[in-house]
N, C-alpha and C. Protein backbone atom coordinates (compact mmCIF):
# COMPACT_ATOMS: atom_id res chain seq x y z
N MET A 1 10.22 47.62 15.73
CA MET A 1 9.80 48.20 14.22
C MET A 1 9.97 47.25 13.08
N SER A 2 8.50 47.57 12.28
CA SER A 2 8.14 46.49 11.62
C SER A 2 8.93 47.06 10.02
N PRO A 3 9.27 45.86 9.40
CA PRO A 3 9.84 46.69 7.95
C PRO A 3 8.51 47.32 7.26
N PRO A 4 8.78 48.34 5.98
CA PRO A 4 7.98 48.97 5.52
C PRO A 4 7.38 47.90 4.66
N ARG A 5 6.11 48.17 3.95
CA ARG A 5 4.93 47.25 3.47
C ARG A 5 5.79 46.83 2.49
N SER A 6 6.28 47.61 1.43
CA SER A 6 6.86 47.37 0.16
C SER A 6 7.98 46.14 0.38
N ARG A 7 8.57 46.19 1.77
CA ARG A 7 9.49 44.87 1.74
C ARG A 7 9.24 43.72 2.08
N ARG A 8 8.05 43.61 2.67
CA ARG A 8 6.89 42.41 2.89
C ARG A 8 6.96 42.08 1.91
N TRP A 9 5.94 42.47 0.92
CA TRP A 9 5.57 42.22 -0.53
C TRP A 9 6.89 41.56 -1.13
N VAL A 10 7.77 42.16 -1.07
CA VAL A 10 9.01 41.70 -2.07
C VAL A 10 9.27 40.52 -1.22
N ALA A 11 9.60 40.13 -0.42
CA ALA A 11 9.80 39.13 0.61
C ALA A 11 8.67 38.04 0.18
N LEU A 12 7.68 38.32 0.27
CA LEU A 12 6.50 37.49 -0.04
C LEU A 12 6.65 36.75 -1.72
N TRP A 13 6.78 37.56 -2.54
CA TRP A 13 7.17 37.26 -3.74
C TRP A 13 8.27 36.70 -4.08
N ALA A 14 9.52 36.77 -3.24
CA ALA A 14 10.52 35.95 -3.53
C ALA A 14 10.07 34.58 -2.99
N VAL A 15 9.71 34.48 -2.12
CA VAL A 15 9.46 33.32 -1.38
C VAL A 15 8.38 32.68 -2.53
N LEU A 16 7.32 33.10 -3.04
CA LEU A 16 6.34 32.42 -4.05
C LEU A 16 7.13 32.15 -5.22
N VAL A 17 7.98 32.70 -5.70
CA VAL A 17 8.93 32.21 -6.85
C VAL A 17 9.78 31.24 -6.79
N VAL A 18 10.19 30.91 -5.29
CA VAL A 18 11.01 30.08 -5.51
C VAL A 18 10.38 28.70 -4.94
N LEU A 19 8.73 28.79 -4.35
CA LEU A 19 8.17 27.65 -4.18
C LEU A 19 7.53 27.13 -5.78
N ALA A 20 7.24 28.03 -6.42
CA ALA A 20 6.88 27.92 -8.04
C ALA A 20 7.64 27.30 -8.61
N GLY A 21 9.06 27.82 -8.68
CA GLY A 21 9.86 27.05 -9.44
C GLY A 21 10.45 25.54 -8.92
N GLY A 22 10.42 25.55 -7.54
CA GLY A 22 10.59 23.98 -7.11
C GLY A 22 9.40 23.21 -7.62
N ALA A 23 8.13 23.70 -7.59
CA ALA A 23 7.19 22.99 -8.18
C ALA A 23 7.48 22.64 -9.63
N ILE A 24 7.75 23.66 -10.34
CA ILE A 24 7.81 23.46 -12.00
C ILE A 24 9.11 22.07 -11.98
N TYR A 25 10.20 22.41 -11.01
CA TYR A 25 11.23 21.25 -11.35
C TYR A 25 10.41 20.20 -11.04
N ALA A 26 9.90 19.75 -10.14
CA ALA A 26 9.23 18.72 -9.51
C ALA A 26 8.16 17.81 -10.54
N VAL A 27 7.41 18.91 -11.27
CA VAL A 27 6.56 18.26 -12.09
C VAL A 27 7.34 17.70 -13.42
N ALA A 28 8.53 18.64 -13.90
CA ALA A 28 9.43 18.29 -14.72
C ALA A 28 9.92 16.95 -14.52
N LEU A 29 10.44 16.45 -13.58
CA LEU A 29 10.62 15.15 -12.83
C LEU A 29 9.98 14.06 -12.92
N ASP A 30 8.53 14.14 -13.20
CA ASP A 30 7.38 13.37 -13.24
C ASP A 30 7.34 12.28 -14.64
N PRO A 31 7.84 11.11 -14.54
CA PRO A 31 7.83 10.54 -15.97
C PRO A 31 6.25 10.42 -16.51
N GLY A 32 5.27 10.47 -15.62
CA GLY A 32 4.14 10.16 -15.70
C GLY A 32 3.69 11.54 -16.74
N LEU A 33 3.99 12.41 -16.66
CA LEU A 33 3.75 13.91 -17.11
C LEU A 33 4.39 13.78 -18.78
N TRP A 34 5.55 13.25 -18.68
CA TRP A 34 6.04 13.00 -20.19
C TRP A 34 5.60 11.88 -20.94
N THR A 35 5.02 11.18 -20.16
CA THR A 35 4.14 9.76 -20.93
C THR A 35 3.20 10.38 -21.14
N ALA A 36 2.19 11.08 -20.64
CA ALA A 36 1.06 11.65 -20.66
C ALA A 36 0.91 12.52 -22.23
N VAL A 37 2.18 13.37 -22.06
CA VAL A 37 2.45 14.34 -23.32
C VAL A 37 2.66 13.07 -24.74
N GLY A 38 3.38 12.12 -24.23
CA GLY A 38 3.84 11.39 -25.57
C GLY A 38 2.32 10.73 -25.85
N ASP A 39 1.50 10.41 -25.07
CA ASP A 39 0.28 9.78 -25.58
C ASP A 39 -0.64 10.58 -26.36
N HIS A 40 -0.55 11.76 -26.06
CA HIS A 40 -1.23 12.94 -26.81
C HIS A 40 -0.59 13.03 -27.99
N ARG A 41 0.68 13.02 -28.14
CA ARG A 41 1.17 13.34 -29.36
C ARG A 41 0.91 12.05 -30.21
N LEU A 42 0.94 10.87 -29.87
CA LEU A 42 0.80 9.62 -30.36
C LEU A 42 -0.55 9.43 -31.09
N ARG A 43 -1.62 9.75 -30.08
CA ARG A 43 -2.93 10.01 -30.78
C ARG A 43 -2.94 11.14 -31.76
N ASP A 44 -2.34 12.02 -31.87
CA ASP A 44 -2.47 12.74 -32.84
C ASP A 44 -1.46 12.54 -34.23
N GLY A 45 -0.90 11.23 -34.11
CA GLY A 45 -0.30 10.57 -35.26
C GLY A 45 0.93 11.59 -35.26
N GLU A 46 1.65 12.13 -34.07
CA GLU A 46 2.84 12.61 -34.38
C GLU A 46 4.00 11.95 -33.50
N LEU A 47 4.38 11.34 -34.57
CA LEU A 47 5.45 10.12 -34.05
C LEU A 47 6.54 10.60 -33.39
N VAL A 48 7.13 11.34 -34.11
CA VAL A 48 8.55 11.80 -33.50
C VAL A 48 8.45 12.92 -31.97
N PRO A 49 7.67 13.57 -32.30
CA PRO A 49 7.42 14.14 -30.67
C PRO A 49 6.57 13.36 -29.74
N ALA A 50 6.38 12.43 -30.15
CA ALA A 50 5.41 11.40 -29.34
C ALA A 50 6.84 10.54 -28.71
N GLU A 51 7.83 10.14 -29.57
CA GLU A 51 9.36 9.38 -29.28
C GLU A 51 9.63 10.49 -28.19
N ARG A 52 10.03 11.43 -28.69
CA ARG A 52 10.98 12.83 -27.81
C ARG A 52 10.58 12.53 -26.25
N ALA A 53 9.01 12.71 -25.86
CA ALA A 53 8.22 12.83 -24.82
C ALA A 53 8.46 11.40 -24.23
N TYR A 54 8.39 10.53 -24.66
CA TYR A 54 8.55 9.17 -24.04
C TYR A 54 9.88 8.87 -23.69
N GLN A 55 11.10 9.19 -24.73
CA GLN A 55 12.36 9.19 -24.06
C GLN A 55 12.62 9.88 -22.98
N ARG A 56 11.93 11.15 -23.04
CA ARG A 56 12.28 12.15 -21.64
C ARG A 56 11.77 11.31 -20.55
N ALA A 57 10.61 10.94 -20.55
CA ALA A 57 9.99 10.38 -19.26
C ALA A 57 11.12 8.91 -18.94
N LEU A 58 11.61 8.49 -20.00
CA LEU A 58 12.67 7.22 -19.77
C LEU A 58 13.87 7.70 -19.09
N ARG A 59 14.26 8.93 -19.39
CA ARG A 59 15.65 9.54 -18.80
C ARG A 59 15.16 9.92 -17.52
N ILE A 60 14.12 10.10 -16.92
CA ILE A 60 13.75 10.28 -15.41
C ILE A 60 13.77 8.91 -15.03
N ASP A 61 13.07 7.86 -15.56
CA ASP A 61 12.91 6.46 -14.86
C ASP A 61 12.99 5.47 -15.99
N ALA A 62 14.29 4.82 -16.10
CA ALA A 62 14.43 4.10 -17.31
C ALA A 62 13.71 2.78 -17.32
N ASP A 63 12.76 2.34 -16.62
CA ASP A 63 11.88 1.12 -16.01
C ASP A 63 10.37 1.83 -16.19
N HIS A 64 9.96 2.82 -16.55
CA HIS A 64 8.74 3.18 -16.49
C HIS A 64 7.89 2.72 -17.40
N PRO A 65 6.69 1.91 -16.90
CA PRO A 65 6.29 0.73 -18.00
C PRO A 65 5.35 1.38 -19.17
N PRO A 66 4.53 2.71 -18.30
CA PRO A 66 3.78 3.33 -19.49
C PRO A 66 4.33 3.96 -20.57
N ALA A 67 5.78 4.54 -20.17
CA ALA A 67 6.53 5.08 -21.12
C ALA A 67 7.12 4.12 -22.16
N LEU A 68 7.74 2.88 -21.40
CA LEU A 68 8.15 1.85 -22.74
C LEU A 68 7.03 1.65 -23.56
N TYR A 69 5.83 1.15 -22.95
CA TYR A 69 4.52 0.80 -23.83
C TYR A 69 4.28 1.80 -24.86
N GLY A 70 4.29 3.11 -24.53
CA GLY A 70 3.90 4.21 -25.37
C GLY A 70 5.22 4.20 -26.44
N LEU A 71 6.36 4.14 -26.06
CA LEU A 71 7.33 4.17 -27.16
C LEU A 71 7.33 3.14 -27.81
N GLY A 72 7.02 1.82 -27.44
CA GLY A 72 6.93 0.77 -28.46
C GLY A 72 5.65 1.08 -29.56
N TRP A 73 4.68 1.56 -29.03
CA TRP A 73 3.65 1.94 -29.97
C TRP A 73 3.99 2.89 -31.03
N SER A 74 4.64 3.79 -30.45
CA SER A 74 5.47 4.71 -31.70
C SER A 74 6.17 4.00 -32.72
N TYR A 75 7.16 3.06 -32.04
CA TYR A 75 8.10 2.37 -32.93
C TYR A 75 6.94 1.53 -33.97
N LEU A 76 6.06 1.22 -33.40
CA LEU A 76 5.19 -0.41 -33.97
C LEU A 76 4.61 0.73 -35.21
N ARG A 77 4.16 2.11 -34.89
CA ARG A 77 3.53 2.54 -35.91
C ARG A 77 4.27 3.20 -36.89
N ALA A 78 5.61 3.39 -36.80
CA ALA A 78 6.48 3.70 -37.73
C ALA A 78 7.05 2.79 -38.51
N GLY A 79 6.84 1.51 -38.19
CA GLY A 79 7.28 0.27 -39.13
C GLY A 79 8.13 -0.75 -38.51
N LEU A 80 8.82 0.04 -37.08
CA LEU A 80 9.98 -0.65 -36.57
C LEU A 80 9.64 -1.71 -35.60
N VAL A 81 9.49 -2.85 -36.13
CA VAL A 81 8.59 -4.00 -35.22
C VAL A 81 9.70 -4.45 -34.31
N VAL A 82 10.90 -4.41 -34.66
CA VAL A 82 11.85 -5.18 -33.69
C VAL A 82 12.15 -4.08 -32.42
N GLU A 83 12.19 -2.73 -32.90
CA GLU A 83 12.45 -1.66 -31.92
C GLU A 83 11.15 -1.79 -30.80
N ALA A 84 10.06 -1.85 -31.34
CA ALA A 84 8.68 -1.95 -30.81
C ALA A 84 8.70 -2.91 -29.90
N GLU A 85 8.89 -4.56 -30.20
CA GLU A 85 9.07 -5.35 -29.41
C GLU A 85 9.90 -5.34 -28.35
N ARG A 86 11.37 -4.68 -28.55
CA ARG A 86 12.30 -4.68 -27.56
C ARG A 86 11.73 -3.62 -26.12
N ARG A 87 10.54 -2.77 -26.53
CA ARG A 87 10.29 -2.02 -25.65
C ARG A 87 9.13 -2.46 -25.02
N PHE A 88 8.59 -3.30 -25.40
CA PHE A 88 7.24 -4.25 -25.15
C PHE A 88 7.73 -5.10 -23.92
N GLU A 89 8.87 -5.67 -24.50
CA GLU A 89 9.66 -6.75 -23.58
C GLU A 89 10.20 -6.18 -22.26
N ARG A 90 10.70 -4.84 -22.35
CA ARG A 90 11.33 -4.02 -21.37
C ARG A 90 10.40 -3.84 -20.30
N ALA A 91 8.97 -3.48 -20.67
CA ALA A 91 8.13 -3.04 -20.13
C ALA A 91 7.43 -4.45 -19.23
N VAL A 92 7.40 -5.34 -19.76
CA VAL A 92 7.06 -6.45 -18.97
C VAL A 92 8.12 -7.12 -18.03
N SER A 93 9.31 -6.66 -18.40
CA SER A 93 10.26 -7.22 -17.22
C SER A 93 10.67 -6.23 -16.39
N ALA A 94 9.73 -4.79 -16.73
CA ALA A 94 10.02 -3.82 -15.79
C ALA A 94 8.77 -4.11 -14.57
N ASP A 95 7.84 -4.57 -15.13
CA ASP A 95 6.48 -4.92 -14.23
C ASP A 95 5.85 -6.08 -14.64
N ALA A 96 5.88 -7.06 -14.40
CA ALA A 96 5.21 -8.34 -14.85
C ALA A 96 3.62 -8.07 -14.83
N THR A 97 3.29 -7.36 -14.03
CA THR A 97 1.98 -6.99 -13.76
C THR A 97 1.37 -5.96 -14.69
N TYR A 98 2.17 -5.43 -15.34
CA TYR A 98 1.34 -4.17 -16.17
C TYR A 98 0.95 -4.84 -17.76
N TYR A 99 -0.43 -4.78 -17.76
CA TYR A 99 -0.97 -5.36 -19.09
C TYR A 99 -0.51 -5.01 -20.45
N GLY A 100 -0.19 -3.55 -20.12
CA GLY A 100 0.33 -2.89 -21.69
C GLY A 100 1.19 -3.62 -21.94
N GLY A 101 2.27 -3.96 -21.54
CA GLY A 101 3.62 -4.82 -22.04
C GLY A 101 2.88 -6.07 -23.11
N TYR A 102 1.81 -6.97 -22.34
CA TYR A 102 1.44 -7.98 -22.86
C TYR A 102 0.73 -7.69 -24.19
N ARG A 103 -0.08 -6.36 -23.82
CA ARG A 103 -0.92 -5.92 -25.18
C ARG A 103 -0.25 -5.74 -26.28
N GLY A 104 1.19 -4.65 -26.16
CA GLY A 104 1.80 -4.57 -27.18
C GLY A 104 2.67 -5.65 -27.82
N LEU A 105 2.99 -6.78 -27.03
CA LEU A 105 3.79 -7.90 -27.75
C LEU A 105 2.47 -8.53 -28.64
N ALA A 106 1.24 -8.67 -27.80
CA ALA A 106 0.17 -9.15 -29.01
C ALA A 106 0.29 -8.43 -30.05
N ALA A 107 0.12 -7.02 -30.61
CA ALA A 107 0.22 -6.21 -31.60
C ALA A 107 1.40 -6.66 -32.31
N VAL A 108 2.66 -7.19 -31.56
CA VAL A 108 3.84 -7.15 -32.52
C VAL A 108 3.50 -8.82 -33.10
N ALA A 109 2.86 -9.33 -32.35
CA ALA A 109 2.82 -10.95 -32.86
C ALA A 109 1.64 -10.86 -33.86
N MET A 110 1.12 -10.07 -33.97
CA MET A 110 -0.21 -9.78 -35.03
C MET A 110 0.61 -9.15 -36.31
N ALA A 111 1.47 -8.37 -36.03
CA ALA A 111 2.27 -7.53 -37.28
C ALA A 111 3.23 -8.66 -37.86
N THR A 112 3.66 -9.91 -37.07
CA THR A 112 4.55 -10.92 -37.69
C THR A 112 3.72 -12.13 -38.22
N GLY A 113 2.61 -12.08 -38.03
CA GLY A 113 1.85 -12.94 -38.54
C GLY A 113 1.43 -13.98 -37.64
N SER A 114 1.66 -14.12 -36.12
CA SER A 114 1.64 -15.21 -35.22
C SER A 114 0.02 -15.01 -34.24
N PRO A 115 -1.13 -15.32 -34.83
CA PRO A 115 -2.31 -14.72 -34.09
C PRO A 115 -2.39 -15.87 -32.92
N GLU A 116 -1.56 -16.92 -32.76
CA GLU A 116 -1.65 -17.77 -31.79
C GLU A 116 -0.85 -17.25 -30.64
N ASP A 117 0.27 -16.74 -30.90
CA ASP A 117 1.10 -16.03 -30.01
C ASP A 117 0.06 -14.48 -29.36
N ALA A 118 -0.36 -13.83 -30.55
CA ALA A 118 -1.31 -12.50 -29.70
C ALA A 118 -2.32 -12.99 -29.00
N GLU A 119 -2.85 -14.26 -29.19
CA GLU A 119 -3.95 -14.58 -28.25
C GLU A 119 -3.34 -14.84 -26.97
N GLY A 120 -2.32 -15.45 -26.98
CA GLY A 120 -1.64 -15.93 -25.81
C GLY A 120 -1.20 -14.38 -24.85
N TYR A 121 -0.48 -13.68 -25.41
CA TYR A 121 -0.21 -12.38 -24.81
C TYR A 121 -1.84 -11.59 -24.30
N LEU A 122 -2.89 -11.69 -25.28
CA LEU A 122 -3.87 -11.21 -25.23
C LEU A 122 -4.43 -11.63 -23.84
N ARG A 123 -4.68 -12.85 -23.72
CA ARG A 123 -4.97 -13.57 -22.42
C ARG A 123 -4.37 -13.04 -21.14
N LEU A 124 -3.10 -13.19 -21.39
CA LEU A 124 -2.45 -12.73 -20.05
C LEU A 124 -2.64 -11.42 -19.69
N ALA A 125 -2.73 -10.42 -20.85
CA ALA A 125 -2.97 -9.13 -20.52
C ALA A 125 -4.56 -8.86 -19.78
N HIS A 126 -5.55 -9.91 -20.20
CA HIS A 126 -6.77 -9.69 -19.67
C HIS A 126 -6.83 -10.19 -18.32
N ASP A 127 -6.23 -11.29 -18.28
CA ASP A 127 -5.75 -11.88 -16.85
C ASP A 127 -5.60 -10.71 -15.85
N LEU A 128 -4.46 -9.97 -16.08
CA LEU A 128 -4.17 -8.74 -15.33
C LEU A 128 -5.02 -7.81 -15.46
N ALA A 129 -5.79 -7.25 -16.38
CA ALA A 129 -6.71 -6.00 -16.23
C ALA A 129 -8.04 -6.79 -17.04
N PRO A 130 -8.73 -7.57 -16.39
CA PRO A 130 -10.03 -8.04 -16.86
C PRO A 130 -11.00 -7.04 -17.42
N GLY A 131 -11.22 -5.72 -16.68
CA GLY A 131 -12.33 -4.72 -17.07
C GLY A 131 -11.66 -3.72 -17.97
N THR A 132 -10.52 -3.89 -18.83
CA THR A 132 -9.74 -2.89 -19.47
C THR A 132 -10.46 -3.12 -21.10
N PRO A 133 -11.32 -2.11 -21.46
CA PRO A 133 -12.08 -2.47 -22.74
C PRO A 133 -11.10 -2.63 -24.06
N CYS A 134 -9.97 -1.57 -24.06
CA CYS A 134 -8.94 -2.11 -25.09
C CYS A 134 -8.49 -3.23 -25.03
N VAL A 135 -8.11 -4.11 -24.40
CA VAL A 135 -7.74 -5.56 -23.92
C VAL A 135 -8.83 -6.28 -24.55
N MET A 136 -10.00 -5.95 -24.32
CA MET A 136 -11.27 -7.14 -24.20
C MET A 136 -11.52 -6.85 -26.16
N ALA A 137 -11.54 -5.70 -26.46
CA ALA A 137 -11.83 -5.29 -27.93
C ALA A 137 -10.76 -6.11 -28.60
N ASP A 138 -9.23 -6.22 -28.34
CA ASP A 138 -8.14 -6.74 -28.92
C ASP A 138 -8.63 -8.07 -29.07
N LEU A 139 -8.76 -8.99 -27.80
CA LEU A 139 -9.48 -10.27 -27.74
C LEU A 139 -10.34 -10.80 -28.74
N ALA A 140 -11.52 -9.71 -28.67
CA ALA A 140 -12.84 -9.98 -29.31
C ALA A 140 -12.47 -10.06 -30.75
N GLY A 141 -11.42 -9.09 -31.35
CA GLY A 141 -11.19 -9.04 -33.07
C GLY A 141 -10.49 -10.52 -33.34
N LEU A 142 -9.89 -10.75 -32.20
CA LEU A 142 -8.87 -12.29 -32.58
C LEU A 142 -9.85 -13.30 -32.73
N TYR A 143 -10.69 -13.27 -31.88
CA TYR A 143 -11.83 -14.29 -31.68
C TYR A 143 -12.98 -14.35 -33.18
N LEU A 144 -13.12 -13.00 -33.44
CA LEU A 144 -14.16 -13.07 -34.44
C LEU A 144 -13.30 -13.46 -35.76
N ASP A 145 -11.92 -12.91 -36.12
CA ASP A 145 -11.21 -13.42 -37.04
C ASP A 145 -11.00 -14.79 -37.23
N ALA A 146 -10.99 -15.56 -36.19
CA ALA A 146 -10.69 -17.07 -35.94
C ALA A 146 -12.16 -17.74 -36.27
N GLY A 147 -13.25 -17.19 -36.22
CA GLY A 147 -14.52 -17.61 -36.40
C GLY A 147 -15.38 -17.89 -35.15
N HIS A 148 -14.93 -17.36 -33.92
CA HIS A 148 -15.50 -17.56 -32.81
C HIS A 148 -16.24 -16.19 -32.68
N ALA A 149 -17.56 -16.33 -33.49
CA ALA A 149 -18.45 -14.94 -33.39
C ALA A 149 -18.96 -14.89 -32.03
N GLU A 150 -19.60 -15.94 -31.27
CA GLU A 150 -20.34 -15.72 -30.10
C GLU A 150 -19.19 -15.11 -28.82
N GLN A 151 -17.88 -15.73 -28.80
CA GLN A 151 -16.90 -14.93 -27.96
C GLN A 151 -16.71 -13.79 -28.17
N GLY A 152 -16.52 -13.62 -29.27
CA GLY A 152 -16.06 -11.97 -30.05
C GLY A 152 -17.18 -10.88 -29.69
N ILE A 153 -18.29 -11.33 -29.99
CA ILE A 153 -19.64 -10.34 -29.70
C ILE A 153 -19.51 -10.29 -28.17
N GLU A 154 -19.63 -11.25 -27.36
CA GLU A 154 -19.79 -11.09 -26.19
C GLU A 154 -18.51 -10.12 -25.52
N LEU A 155 -16.85 -10.34 -25.91
CA LEU A 155 -16.20 -9.64 -25.40
C LEU A 155 -16.31 -7.97 -26.03
N TYR A 156 -17.22 -7.78 -27.17
CA TYR A 156 -17.18 -6.47 -27.85
C TYR A 156 -17.99 -5.78 -26.82
N GLN A 157 -19.12 -6.48 -26.43
CA GLN A 157 -20.38 -5.71 -25.73
C GLN A 157 -19.92 -5.74 -24.34
N ARG A 158 -19.31 -6.52 -23.90
CA ARG A 158 -18.15 -6.22 -22.34
C ARG A 158 -17.24 -4.81 -22.68
N ALA A 159 -17.01 -4.55 -23.68
CA ALA A 159 -15.82 -3.75 -23.84
C ALA A 159 -16.42 -2.32 -23.69
N ILE A 160 -17.59 -2.26 -24.62
CA ILE A 160 -18.66 -1.20 -24.83
C ILE A 160 -19.03 -0.84 -23.27
């Protein structure tokens, strides 16, 4: 004897609710999701919500390089250069092949008046991610500032 139709629907809904709850929980444990939220907030200039999102990502994975990178940028934009530098250094130590940490360290070097150091970091970032437009544009800007117009223009054109 089969159960009445309404019992089957209730059982199906119960299974769906459990599965959906598990999926939501799994998504909430993804540091990439919280990093993306932080990136969106940072682009909108919302530094405190960006910091919170990056911190949440780092509570899930303390060595998540993109979250460390984003947190570094939120600190740098807030004028907290030392805190920013620490986050970029952690991103590099967590993954020496992650170009973002070097790009962030280049931004700190520029903020502290060390364009030579910035160029070194950007060259490392460019070696790790040669086709990344933001790295090429940053390096092009340094070349133009140093009077190397030909190199700078060529990199800007490649970045576009």
